[in-house]
Amino acid sequence: MRSQALRADALMLVTAVIWGSAFVAQTSGMNHIGPFLYSGLRFALGSLCLLPLVLRRPASDRPSEPMLTQGLLLGGALMGLALALGINLQQVGLMFTSVTNAGFITGLYVIVVPLLGLLIGHRTGLGTWLGAVLAVVGMFLLSVGAHFHVAPGDWLQLIGAFVWGGHVILVGLFASRHDPIRLAFLQFATCSVVSLALALCLEPIDWPAIVDAWPAILYGGVVAVGIGYTLQVIAQKDAIASHAAIILSLEAVFAAIAGAWLLDESLQMRGYIGCALMLTGMLVAQLWPQAPRLNAEARQKA
C-alpha cells in the first residue's frame, strides 16, 4: 500500500512539472490562434494519442468490465465537461495575465479540494490543511508582487480554480472505479468536442495560423494532455483527492520557473522562498499522517 502511495506521489509530481511547463505552450499557441481552438486541437491530439491504448489495452485490474459502461461514460463526460470549463477559463485568462499569476491563482484549488471533499464525506487530516496553507502562502510569495493588480485574467483564473477543485474530486471519484486509460480518453474527447464547438461559433478558423501554432499544439496535446492528464487519472487511483491537490498545485512552481526561463518573466528571491514553502507543504501533507505510525514502530523496536 505504501509503495502504491509513493508511486502515485511520483506520478503526480511529474504531472505538476508537465502542467507547469505547459503554461508557456498555452501562451505561445495563442500568438497564432484563439483560445478555444487551441484547447480543442490539443485535446483532440491527446485523445488520438490514447486511442491505440484504449483499443488494445486490456483492463487487467477489471477483466470483467466491458469496453464501455454507463458509469464509465458518465464519469468521462462529467470529467470532460469540468475539464473543458476549467481549461478554457485558464486559456482565455492567459490572454490578460502572466504565466506566473495564472499558475498561482490556478493553484488555489489546493484549498478548494478539501472543502469540496468535506461535502462528499472525505475526511481531511491536520497535515493536509497545514500543507495546504503552506502551499498557498508559498504560491503568494512566488507569484504576487508588492503591488498586486487584479487583472481580468486573474478573475478568470480564480473562477477556474474552483472548477479545477471540482475536477480533482471527480477524477478521484471515478478513477478508483473504472479503467483510467479509457476514462482519460473519454474526458479528452469530451473536452475537445466542447472546445471545438465554441471555436466554430466564436473564433476564425485559419489554417496557416494553425500550422504556425503547431509546435505549441503538439506539446500541449502530446505532452500536457496525452501524458500529463493521463498520469493524473492513473495516479489518483491510489491517492486521496485533498492530498493529490497539494502535489498537483506544484505546477505553479514549475509555471513560474518556465515563465522566467522561456518568457523572461521575473522570479525574485521571494519567489524562491515561495517555491521552498510549497515543497515544504507537499512534504508535510505526505509525511504528517505517517508520523504516529513511525513513532509507534520506533517504540516497539526500543
Protein backbone atom coordinates (compact mmCIF):
# COMPACT_ATOMS: atom_id res chain seq x y z
CA MET A 1 0.00 0.00 0.00
CA ARG A 2 2.81 2.41 0.92
CA SER A 3 4.62 1.68 -2.37
CA GLN A 4 1.42 2.45 -4.27
CA ALA A 5 1.12 5.78 -2.46
CA LEU A 6 4.72 6.69 -3.26
CA ARG A 7 4.19 5.73 -6.90
CA ALA A 8 1.09 7.91 -7.03
CA ASP A 9 3.01 10.83 -5.48
CA ALA A 10 5.82 10.47 -8.02
CA LEU A 11 3.38 10.38 -10.94
CA MET A 12 1.56 13.45 -9.66
CA LEU A 13 4.85 15.32 -9.25
CA VAL A 14 5.74 14.54 -12.88
CA THR A 15 2.25 15.72 -13.83
CA ALA A 16 2.83 19.02 -12.00
CA VAL A 17 6.09 19.57 -13.91
CA ILE A 18 4.33 18.92 -17.22
CA TRP A 19 1.35 21.12 -16.42
CA GLY A 20 3.55 23.97 -15.21
CA SER A 21 5.68 23.98 -18.35
CA ALA A 22 2.55 23.74 -20.50
CA PHE A 23 1.53 27.27 -19.48
CA VAL A 24 4.27 28.53 -21.80
CA ALA A 25 2.95 26.47 -24.71
CA GLN A 26 -0.59 27.67 -24.00
CA THR A 27 0.55 31.30 -24.14
CA SER A 28 2.66 30.74 -27.27
CA GLY A 29 -0.17 28.97 -29.09
CA MET A 30 -2.44 31.97 -28.67
CA ASN A 31 0.02 34.12 -30.60
CA HIS A 32 -1.48 32.45 -33.67
CA ILE A 33 -4.94 31.02 -32.89
CA GLY A 34 -7.80 31.61 -30.45
CA PRO A 35 -8.02 30.02 -27.00
CA PHE A 36 -10.94 27.68 -27.76
CA LEU A 37 -9.38 26.41 -30.99
CA TYR A 38 -6.08 25.79 -29.24
CA SER A 39 -7.80 23.84 -26.45
CA GLY A 40 -9.92 21.85 -28.91
CA LEU A 41 -7.00 20.86 -31.12
CA ARG A 42 -4.66 19.88 -28.32
CA PHE A 43 -7.24 17.73 -26.57
CA ALA A 44 -8.16 16.13 -29.89
CA LEU A 45 -4.48 15.29 -30.31
CA GLY A 46 -4.35 13.97 -26.75
CA SER A 47 -7.34 11.74 -27.49
CA LEU A 48 -5.63 10.33 -30.58
CA CYS A 49 -2.52 9.56 -28.52
CA LEU A 50 -4.59 7.37 -26.20
CA LEU A 51 -6.77 5.72 -28.84
CA PRO A 52 -4.34 2.81 -29.55
CA LEU A 53 -4.14 2.07 -25.81
CA VAL A 54 -7.92 2.19 -25.48
CA LEU A 55 -8.39 -0.30 -28.31
CA ARG A 56 -5.57 -2.69 -27.38
CA ARG A 57 -5.04 -2.36 -23.62
CA PRO A 58 -6.96 -4.91 -21.50
CA ALA A 59 -8.32 -3.69 -18.20
CA SER A 60 -6.19 -6.19 -16.28
CA ASP A 61 -7.38 -4.95 -12.91
CA ARG A 62 -11.00 -5.17 -14.06
CA PRO A 63 -11.07 -8.07 -16.55
CA SER A 64 -14.86 -8.36 -16.43
CA GLU A 65 -15.56 -4.69 -17.22
CA PRO A 66 -16.91 -4.17 -20.76
CA MET A 67 -15.24 -1.71 -23.13
CA LEU A 68 -17.88 0.93 -22.33
CA THR A 69 -20.27 1.05 -19.39
CA GLN A 70 -22.83 3.60 -18.29
CA GLY A 71 -20.68 4.55 -15.30
CA LEU A 72 -17.58 4.93 -17.46
CA LEU A 73 -19.42 7.13 -19.97
CA LEU A 74 -20.90 9.23 -17.18
CA GLY A 75 -17.52 9.68 -15.50
CA GLY A 76 -15.78 10.56 -18.75
CA ALA A 77 -18.50 13.05 -19.69
CA LEU A 78 -18.56 14.79 -16.29
CA MET A 79 -14.78 14.94 -16.07
CA GLY A 80 -14.61 16.18 -19.65
CA LEU A 81 -17.14 18.96 -19.07
CA ALA A 82 -15.29 20.11 -15.94
CA LEU A 83 -12.02 19.92 -17.85
CA ALA A 84 -13.43 21.93 -20.76
CA LEU A 85 -14.71 24.65 -18.43
CA GLY A 86 -11.51 24.81 -16.38
CA ILE A 87 -9.05 24.71 -19.27
CA ASN A 88 -10.90 27.34 -21.32
CA LEU A 89 -11.21 29.70 -18.36
CA GLN A 90 -7.48 29.24 -17.90
CA GLN A 91 -6.78 29.66 -21.61
CA VAL A 92 -8.82 32.85 -22.01
CA GLY A 93 -7.41 34.18 -18.74
CA LEU A 94 -3.86 33.79 -20.06
CA MET A 95 -4.69 36.46 -22.64
CA PHE A 96 -4.97 39.00 -19.82
CA THR A 97 -2.46 37.89 -17.19
CA SER A 98 1.03 36.43 -16.86
CA VAL A 99 2.01 32.77 -16.77
CA THR A 100 3.23 33.25 -13.19
CA ASN A 101 -0.03 34.77 -11.94
CA ALA A 102 -2.05 32.14 -13.79
CA GLY A 103 -0.04 29.37 -12.13
CA PHE A 104 -0.53 30.85 -8.67
CA ILE A 105 -4.25 31.53 -8.93
CA THR A 106 -5.00 28.18 -10.57
CA GLY A 107 -3.13 26.51 -7.71
CA LEU A 108 -5.65 27.85 -5.21
CA TYR A 109 -7.62 24.66 -5.87
CA VAL A 110 -5.35 23.22 -3.18
CA ILE A 111 -7.76 24.86 -0.71
CA VAL A 112 -10.90 24.21 -2.77
CA VAL A 113 -10.41 20.42 -2.89
CA PRO A 114 -10.50 19.75 0.89
CA LEU A 115 -13.57 21.99 1.21
CA LEU A 116 -15.38 20.16 -1.58
CA GLY A 117 -14.20 16.84 -0.18
CA LEU A 118 -15.98 17.55 3.09
CA LEU A 119 -19.24 17.80 1.17
CA ILE A 120 -18.90 14.22 -0.08
CA GLY A 121 -17.67 12.73 3.19
CA HIS A 122 -13.89 12.75 2.70
CA ARG A 123 -12.02 13.16 5.99
CA THR A 124 -9.14 15.61 5.85
CA GLY A 125 -6.38 15.49 8.45
CA LEU A 126 -4.44 18.33 10.05
CA GLY A 127 -1.38 17.58 7.92
CA THR A 128 -3.30 18.19 4.71
CA TRP A 129 -4.68 21.50 5.98
CA LEU A 130 -1.27 22.65 7.21
CA GLY A 131 0.32 21.61 3.94
CA ALA A 132 -2.37 23.46 2.01
CA VAL A 133 -1.80 26.66 4.00
CA LEU A 134 1.96 26.47 3.44
CA ALA A 135 1.38 25.86 -0.25
CA VAL A 136 -0.94 28.86 -0.60
CA VAL A 137 1.47 31.16 1.27
CA GLY A 138 4.25 29.85 -0.94
CA MET A 139 2.25 30.47 -4.09
CA PHE A 140 1.51 34.01 -2.90
CA LEU A 141 5.20 34.79 -2.37
CA LEU A 142 6.02 33.12 -5.66
CA SER A 143 3.54 34.93 -7.86
CA VAL A 144 2.30 38.15 -6.26
CA GLY A 145 4.41 41.30 -6.29
CA ALA A 146 4.38 44.22 -3.87
CA HIS A 147 1.58 45.94 -5.80
CA PHE A 148 -0.74 43.11 -6.81
CA HIS A 149 -3.08 44.25 -9.56
CA VAL A 150 -6.16 42.13 -10.12
CA ALA A 151 -6.35 41.89 -13.90
CA PRO A 152 -9.42 40.50 -15.70
CA GLY A 153 -7.42 37.37 -16.45
CA ASP A 154 -6.78 36.87 -12.75
CA TRP A 155 -10.51 36.78 -12.02
CA LEU A 156 -11.00 34.15 -14.74
CA GLN A 157 -8.19 32.07 -13.23
CA LEU A 158 -9.81 32.39 -9.79
CA ILE A 159 -13.14 31.08 -11.08
CA GLY A 160 -11.21 28.33 -12.81
CA ALA A 161 -9.55 27.34 -9.53
CA PHE A 162 -12.95 26.30 -8.17
CA VAL A 163 -13.61 24.33 -11.35
CA TRP A 164 -10.22 22.59 -11.07
CA GLY A 165 -11.04 21.69 -7.49
CA GLY A 166 -14.22 20.00 -8.68
CA HIS A 167 -12.28 18.26 -11.44
CA VAL A 168 -9.78 16.78 -8.98
CA ILE A 169 -12.69 15.48 -6.89
CA LEU A 170 -14.34 13.94 -9.96
CA VAL A 171 -11.13 12.26 -11.07
CA GLY A 172 -10.63 10.77 -7.60
CA LEU A 173 -14.24 9.58 -7.57
CA PHE A 174 -14.26 7.83 -10.95
CA ALA A 175 -10.61 6.74 -11.34
CA SER A 176 -10.99 4.27 -8.47
CA ARG A 177 -13.98 2.64 -10.19
CA HIS A 178 -13.06 2.44 -13.88
CA ASP A 179 -10.15 1.80 -16.21
CA PRO A 180 -8.06 5.01 -16.09
CA ILE A 181 -6.95 4.94 -19.74
CA ARG A 182 -10.50 4.68 -21.07
CA LEU A 183 -11.65 7.28 -18.58
CA ALA A 184 -8.90 9.69 -19.66
CA PHE A 185 -9.72 9.15 -23.33
CA LEU A 186 -13.40 9.94 -22.79
CA GLN A 187 -12.68 13.13 -20.84
CA PHE A 188 -10.22 14.32 -23.51
CA ALA A 189 -12.70 13.63 -26.30
CA THR A 190 -15.49 15.44 -24.43
CA CYS A 191 -13.27 18.45 -23.76
CA SER A 192 -12.17 18.56 -27.40
CA VAL A 193 -15.72 18.46 -28.76
CA VAL A 194 -16.89 21.23 -26.41
CA SER A 195 -13.87 23.43 -27.14
CA LEU A 196 -14.05 22.97 -30.92
CA ALA A 197 -17.78 23.76 -30.88
CA LEU A 198 -17.01 27.02 -29.05
CA ALA A 199 -14.22 27.79 -31.53
CA LEU A 200 -16.50 27.27 -34.55
CA CYS A 201 -19.04 29.67 -33.03
CA LEU A 202 -16.70 32.34 -31.67
CA GLU A 203 -13.34 32.26 -33.48
CA PRO A 204 -11.98 32.40 -37.04
CA ILE A 205 -10.52 29.15 -38.36
CA ASP A 206 -7.34 29.97 -40.26
CA TRP A 207 -5.30 27.00 -41.48
CA PRO A 208 -1.99 28.88 -41.94
CA ALA A 209 -2.33 30.14 -38.35
CA ILE A 210 -2.94 26.57 -37.14
CA VAL A 211 0.25 25.47 -38.90
CA ASP A 212 2.18 28.30 -37.20
CA ALA A 213 0.79 27.22 -33.83
CA TRP A 214 1.58 23.55 -34.43
CA PRO A 215 4.65 23.28 -32.12
CA ALA A 216 2.59 24.63 -29.19
CA ILE A 217 -0.34 22.38 -30.12
CA LEU A 218 2.00 19.38 -30.33
CA TYR A 219 3.48 20.00 -26.87
CA GLY A 220 0.11 20.84 -25.36
CA GLY A 221 -1.56 17.80 -26.93
CA VAL A 222 1.02 15.03 -26.67
CA VAL A 223 2.90 16.01 -23.51
CA ALA A 224 0.46 18.05 -21.39
CA VAL A 225 -2.71 16.15 -22.35
CA GLY A 226 -1.66 12.72 -23.60
CA ILE A 227 0.92 12.22 -20.85
CA GLY A 228 0.12 14.74 -18.09
CA TYR A 229 -3.63 14.36 -17.66
CA THR A 230 -3.39 10.59 -18.17
CA LEU A 231 -0.82 10.32 -15.39
CA GLN A 232 -3.19 12.29 -13.15
CA VAL A 233 -6.01 9.81 -13.69
CA ILE A 234 -3.70 6.82 -13.12
CA ALA A 235 -2.12 8.35 -10.00
CA GLN A 236 -5.40 9.34 -8.37
CA LYS A 237 -6.49 5.71 -8.25
CA ASP A 238 -4.20 5.42 -5.21
CA ALA A 239 -4.40 8.94 -3.75
CA ILE A 240 -6.78 10.96 -1.58
CA ALA A 241 -8.07 13.94 -3.55
CA SER A 242 -7.03 16.54 -0.97
CA HIS A 243 -3.53 15.06 -0.80
CA ALA A 244 -3.34 14.93 -4.60
CA ALA A 245 -4.23 18.62 -4.80
CA ILE A 246 -1.20 19.54 -2.67
CA ILE A 247 1.22 17.83 -5.04
CA LEU A 248 -0.53 18.89 -8.25
CA SER A 249 -0.52 22.51 -7.05
CA LEU A 250 3.26 22.47 -7.51
CA GLU A 251 2.50 23.22 -11.15
CA ALA A 252 2.60 26.87 -10.01
CA VAL A 253 6.29 26.47 -9.11
CA PHE A 254 7.13 24.99 -12.47
CA ALA A 255 4.96 27.52 -14.32
CA ALA A 256 6.90 30.35 -12.67
CA ILE A 257 10.24 28.71 -13.47
CA ALA A 258 9.21 28.09 -17.09
CA GLY A 259 7.88 31.64 -17.42
CA ALA A 260 11.13 33.09 -16.07
CA TRP A 261 13.28 30.86 -18.26
CA LEU A 262 11.39 30.95 -21.56
CA LEU A 263 9.32 34.14 -21.40
CA ASP A 264 11.66 36.35 -19.32
CA GLU A 265 9.11 36.73 -16.52
CA SER A 266 10.80 37.77 -13.28
CA LEU A 267 11.46 35.35 -10.44
CA GLN A 268 12.98 37.17 -7.46
CA MET A 269 14.20 35.93 -4.09
CA ARG A 270 10.70 35.92 -2.59
CA GLY A 271 9.71 33.64 -5.45
CA TYR A 272 12.36 31.10 -4.50
CA ILE A 273 11.18 31.31 -0.87
CA GLY A 274 7.66 30.61 -2.15
CA CYS A 275 8.92 27.54 -4.01
CA ALA A 276 10.53 26.28 -0.81
CA LEU A 277 7.31 26.78 1.17
CA MET A 278 5.31 24.89 -1.45
CA LEU A 279 7.73 21.97 -1.37
CA THR A 280 7.50 22.03 2.43
CA GLY A 281 3.72 21.95 2.20
CA MET A 282 3.87 18.91 -0.06
CA LEU A 283 6.18 17.09 2.37
CA VAL A 284 4.03 17.98 5.39
CA ALA A 285 0.90 16.68 3.66
CA GLN A 286 2.69 13.46 2.74
CA LEU A 287 4.66 12.74 5.93
CA TRP A 288 2.41 14.09 8.70
CA PRO A 289 -0.01 11.09 8.60
CA GLN A 290 2.97 8.73 8.82
CA ALA A 291 4.43 10.27 12.00
CA PRO A 292 2.25 8.35 14.53
CA ARG A 293 2.97 5.05 12.78
CA LEU A 294 6.73 5.72 12.65
CA ASN A 295 6.78 6.70 16.35
CA ALA A 296 4.91 3.53 17.27
CA GLU A 297 7.36 1.40 15.28
CA ALA A 298 10.30 3.16 16.96
CA ARG A 299 8.87 2.46 20.43
CA GLN A 300 8.36 -1.21 19.56
CA LYS A 301 11.97 -1.55 18.41
CA ALA A 302 13.17 0.15 21.60
